[in-house]
Amino acid sequence: MTLIAFESPVLAIRPWEDEVLDHLGFDPRSPYVERFWLAIVGPSTTWLLRRIAACFDATPEGFEMDLGETARALGLGDRSGRNSPFFRTLNRMVQFELARPVGAAELQVMRRLPALTRRQTTRLSPALQASHERWQADQLKVPPGEVIRRRSRQLALSLLELGEDPEEVERQLLRWRYHPALSREAVSWAVERQRQAMAVQQAG
């Protein structure tokens, strides 16, 4: 694969719009991505996707990413050289169609990731392949509406754990095109779940 070189020290990061994935895909900070995508793209690409997802939360229209600073923040040293660890990390996002370059200084990145393809699952370890098959079988047992409900709850809980207040979490779910009633219910569930966890921690 020919590596893409980004000559500019600052890269414009914009969301890669996808109506289906923006609604049904997996947040880069989700358990699915951590368990399965991590084994495909590696830890540095997973952490970069998570970092970009957090920035999209704050600026949904996109932002400017300082390549040198980001490389150092991820523990990848300097950005220099198309064969540097950081440029390989950027290129893995493109290789696996999680991002696409637009011109010399702009990169569109998916806000949510798809499920692994059949071909990608063959690259997992035997144990992870079996785990992914169980996950797929479980998904077939769950009505589509329940899948969306569970995902909205998990996203709400993740955002609360990142320090967002409930009102901002609800606004973020609405930006991700969840139904207002579902967004409200998901936030209420997440707040209560967090409260219960804190009570157990204090009691223990």
Protein backbone atom coordinates (compact mmCIF):
# COMPACT_ATOMS: atom_id res chain seq x y z
CA MET A 1 0.00 0.00 0.00
CA THR A 2 1.27 3.48 -0.92
CA LEU A 3 1.44 5.63 2.20
CA ILE A 4 -0.27 9.01 2.10
CA ALA A 5 2.00 11.83 3.20
CA PHE A 6 0.56 14.92 4.89
CA GLU A 7 3.03 17.75 4.41
CA SER A 8 1.17 20.37 6.44
CA PRO A 9 1.90 20.44 10.21
CA VAL A 10 -1.82 20.98 10.83
CA LEU A 11 -4.56 18.75 9.43
CA ALA A 12 -8.21 19.76 9.11
CA ILE A 13 -10.31 16.93 10.56
CA ARG A 14 -13.90 16.82 9.31
CA PRO A 15 -16.65 14.25 9.92
CA TRP A 16 -17.21 11.65 7.22
CA GLU A 17 -20.98 11.84 6.92
CA ASP A 18 -22.79 8.50 6.68
CA GLU A 19 -26.50 8.45 7.51
CA VAL A 20 -26.59 4.77 8.44
CA LEU A 21 -23.36 4.57 10.45
CA ASP A 22 -23.95 7.92 12.15
CA HIS A 23 -27.08 6.37 13.64
CA LEU A 24 -26.25 2.68 14.02
CA GLY A 25 -22.45 2.48 14.02
CA PHE A 26 -20.17 2.00 17.02
CA ASP A 27 -18.65 4.91 18.88
CA PRO A 28 -14.83 4.57 18.87
CA ARG A 29 -15.00 4.48 22.67
CA SER A 30 -17.49 1.59 22.73
CA PRO A 31 -16.75 -1.92 24.05
CA TYR A 32 -17.20 -3.35 20.52
CA VAL A 33 -14.40 -1.19 19.12
CA GLU A 34 -12.13 -1.90 22.08
CA ARG A 35 -12.69 -5.65 21.83
CA PHE A 36 -12.72 -6.23 18.08
CA TRP A 37 -11.50 -3.22 16.05
CA LEU A 38 -8.49 -2.84 18.34
CA ALA A 39 -7.19 -6.22 17.19
CA ILE A 40 -7.51 -5.12 13.54
CA VAL A 41 -6.13 -1.56 13.50
CA GLY A 42 -3.90 -1.65 16.57
CA PRO A 43 -3.79 0.44 19.77
CA SER A 44 -2.39 3.69 18.35
CA THR A 45 -5.09 3.94 15.66
CA THR A 46 -7.79 3.07 18.20
CA TRP A 47 -6.56 5.79 20.55
CA LEU A 48 -6.41 8.31 17.70
CA LEU A 49 -9.99 7.47 16.69
CA ARG A 50 -11.09 7.95 20.30
CA ARG A 51 -9.27 11.26 20.53
CA ILE A 52 -10.92 12.46 17.32
CA ALA A 53 -14.34 11.28 18.56
CA ALA A 54 -13.91 13.35 21.74
CA CYS A 55 -13.00 16.39 19.64
CA PHE A 56 -16.09 15.85 17.46
CA ASP A 57 -18.16 15.90 20.66
CA ALA A 58 -16.90 19.42 21.33
CA THR A 59 -16.85 20.62 17.70
CA PRO A 60 -19.18 18.47 15.56
CA GLU A 61 -18.36 20.38 12.37
CA GLY A 62 -14.65 19.52 12.65
CA PHE A 63 -11.42 20.94 14.03
CA GLU A 64 -7.75 21.57 13.29
CA MET A 65 -5.33 18.89 14.51
CA ASP A 66 -1.69 19.72 15.16
CA LEU A 67 0.09 16.60 13.92
CA GLY A 68 3.23 16.99 16.01
CA GLU A 69 1.34 17.65 19.22
CA THR A 70 -1.07 14.76 18.58
CA ALA A 71 1.78 12.36 17.82
CA ARG A 72 3.48 13.25 21.10
CA ALA A 73 0.21 13.04 23.05
CA LEU A 74 -0.28 9.47 21.78
CA GLY A 75 3.28 8.52 22.73
CA LEU A 76 4.33 8.18 19.08
CA GLY A 77 7.20 10.64 19.16
CA ASP A 78 7.55 13.17 16.38
CA ARG A 79 5.34 13.16 13.31
CA SER A 80 8.20 13.59 10.84
CA GLY A 81 8.68 11.12 8.00
CA ARG A 82 6.05 9.21 6.07
CA ASN A 83 7.30 6.00 7.71
CA SER A 84 7.02 7.39 11.24
CA PRO A 85 4.70 5.55 13.68
CA PHE A 86 2.23 8.46 13.65
CA PHE A 87 1.92 8.59 9.85
CA ARG A 88 1.44 4.83 9.79
CA THR A 89 -1.34 5.33 12.34
CA LEU A 90 -3.04 7.91 10.10
CA ASN A 91 -2.67 5.65 7.09
CA ARG A 92 -4.21 2.67 8.88
CA MET A 93 -7.39 4.72 9.31
CA VAL A 94 -7.39 5.30 5.55
CA GLN A 95 -6.42 1.70 4.74
CA PHE A 96 -9.40 0.34 6.68
CA GLU A 97 -11.75 2.99 5.23
CA LEU A 98 -12.32 4.69 8.57
CA ALA A 99 -10.99 7.96 7.12
CA ARG A 100 -10.34 9.45 3.69
CA PRO A 101 -8.05 12.27 2.60
CA VAL A 102 -9.57 15.32 0.95
CA GLY A 103 -6.80 17.33 -0.63
CA ALA A 104 -3.38 17.79 0.92
CA ALA A 105 -4.41 19.02 4.36
CA GLU A 106 -7.86 17.62 5.17
CA LEU A 107 -8.97 14.25 6.45
CA GLN A 108 -12.57 13.09 6.80
CA VAL A 109 -12.98 10.64 9.68
CA MET A 110 -15.94 8.44 10.58
CA ARG A 111 -17.71 9.44 13.75
CA ARG A 112 -18.87 5.85 14.22
CA LEU A 113 -17.40 2.60 13.01
CA PRO A 114 -19.13 -0.27 11.22
CA ALA A 115 -19.12 -3.86 12.40
CA LEU A 116 -16.20 -5.90 11.14
CA THR A 117 -16.61 -7.51 7.75
CA ARG A 118 -16.41 -11.28 7.35
CA ARG A 119 -12.93 -10.92 5.85
CA GLN A 120 -11.74 -8.76 8.75
CA THR A 121 -12.97 -11.25 11.36
CA THR A 122 -10.67 -13.90 9.85
CA ARG A 123 -7.74 -11.76 11.05
CA LEU A 124 -8.86 -12.06 14.67
CA SER A 125 -7.43 -14.68 17.01
CA PRO A 126 -9.49 -17.89 17.26
CA ALA A 127 -10.80 -16.80 20.67
CA LEU A 128 -11.86 -13.38 19.37
CA GLN A 129 -13.44 -14.95 16.28
CA ALA A 130 -15.56 -17.14 18.54
CA SER A 131 -16.44 -14.12 20.69
CA HIS A 132 -17.46 -12.14 17.61
CA GLU A 133 -19.64 -15.01 16.39
CA ARG A 134 -21.38 -15.09 19.77
CA TRP A 135 -21.86 -11.33 19.58
CA GLN A 136 -23.45 -11.66 16.11
CA ALA A 137 -25.74 -14.46 17.29
CA ASP A 138 -26.85 -12.37 20.27
CA GLN A 139 -27.60 -9.41 17.98
CA LEU A 140 -29.95 -11.53 15.88
CA LYS A 141 -31.98 -12.31 18.99
CA VAL A 142 -32.50 -8.65 19.88
CA PRO A 143 -35.18 -6.56 18.11
CA PRO A 144 -33.68 -3.63 16.14
CA GLY A 145 -35.36 -1.06 18.37
CA GLU A 146 -33.81 -2.64 21.46
CA VAL A 147 -30.36 -2.55 19.86
CA ILE A 148 -30.70 1.21 19.30
CA ARG A 149 -31.99 1.68 22.85
CA ARG A 150 -29.07 -0.21 24.37
CA ARG A 151 -26.59 1.69 22.25
CA SER A 152 -28.04 5.07 23.23
CA ARG A 153 -27.78 4.07 26.90
CA GLN A 154 -24.17 2.94 26.54
CA LEU A 155 -23.22 6.15 24.75
CA ALA A 156 -24.95 8.26 27.41
CA LEU A 157 -23.12 6.41 30.19
CA SER A 158 -19.78 6.74 28.41
CA LEU A 159 -20.23 10.49 27.98
CA LEU A 160 -21.19 10.92 31.65
CA GLU A 161 -18.07 8.99 32.66
CA LEU A 162 -16.02 11.38 30.50
CA GLY A 163 -17.33 14.26 32.64
CA GLU A 164 -20.14 15.66 30.49
CA ASP A 165 -23.21 16.95 32.32
CA PRO A 166 -26.59 15.29 31.62
CA GLU A 167 -27.94 18.18 29.54
CA GLU A 168 -24.91 18.13 27.25
CA VAL A 169 -25.14 14.34 26.95
CA GLU A 170 -28.76 14.64 25.82
CA ARG A 171 -27.84 17.34 23.30
CA GLN A 172 -25.07 15.11 21.96
CA LEU A 173 -27.46 12.18 21.50
CA LEU A 174 -29.80 14.49 19.60
CA ARG A 175 -26.90 15.59 17.38
CA TRP A 176 -26.32 11.90 16.68
CA ARG A 177 -29.97 11.76 15.51
CA TYR A 178 -31.42 9.69 18.32
CA HIS A 179 -35.12 10.34 18.90
CA PRO A 180 -35.69 13.01 21.61
CA ALA A 181 -37.69 10.60 23.81
CA LEU A 182 -35.01 7.93 23.47
CA SER A 183 -32.27 10.45 24.23
CA ARG A 184 -34.03 11.59 27.37
CA GLU A 185 -34.63 8.02 28.53
CA ALA A 186 -31.02 7.04 27.86
CA VAL A 187 -29.67 9.95 29.90
CA SER A 188 -32.04 9.20 32.79
CA TRP A 189 -30.93 5.56 32.76
CA ALA A 190 -27.25 6.50 32.64
CA VAL A 191 -27.57 9.03 35.49
CA GLU A 192 -29.30 6.44 37.66
CA ARG A 193 -26.75 3.77 36.73
CA GLN A 194 -23.91 6.13 37.66
CA ARG A 195 -25.65 7.03 40.94
CA GLN A 196 -26.02 3.35 41.86
CA ALA A 197 -22.36 2.68 41.07
CA MET A 198 -21.28 5.57 43.30
CA ALA A 199 -23.53 4.33 46.13
CA VAL A 200 -22.02 0.86 45.93
CA GLN A 201 -18.51 2.32 45.90
CA GLN A 202 -19.20 4.46 48.96
CA ALA A 203 -20.81 1.57 50.80
CA GLY A 204 -17.88 -0.71 49.99
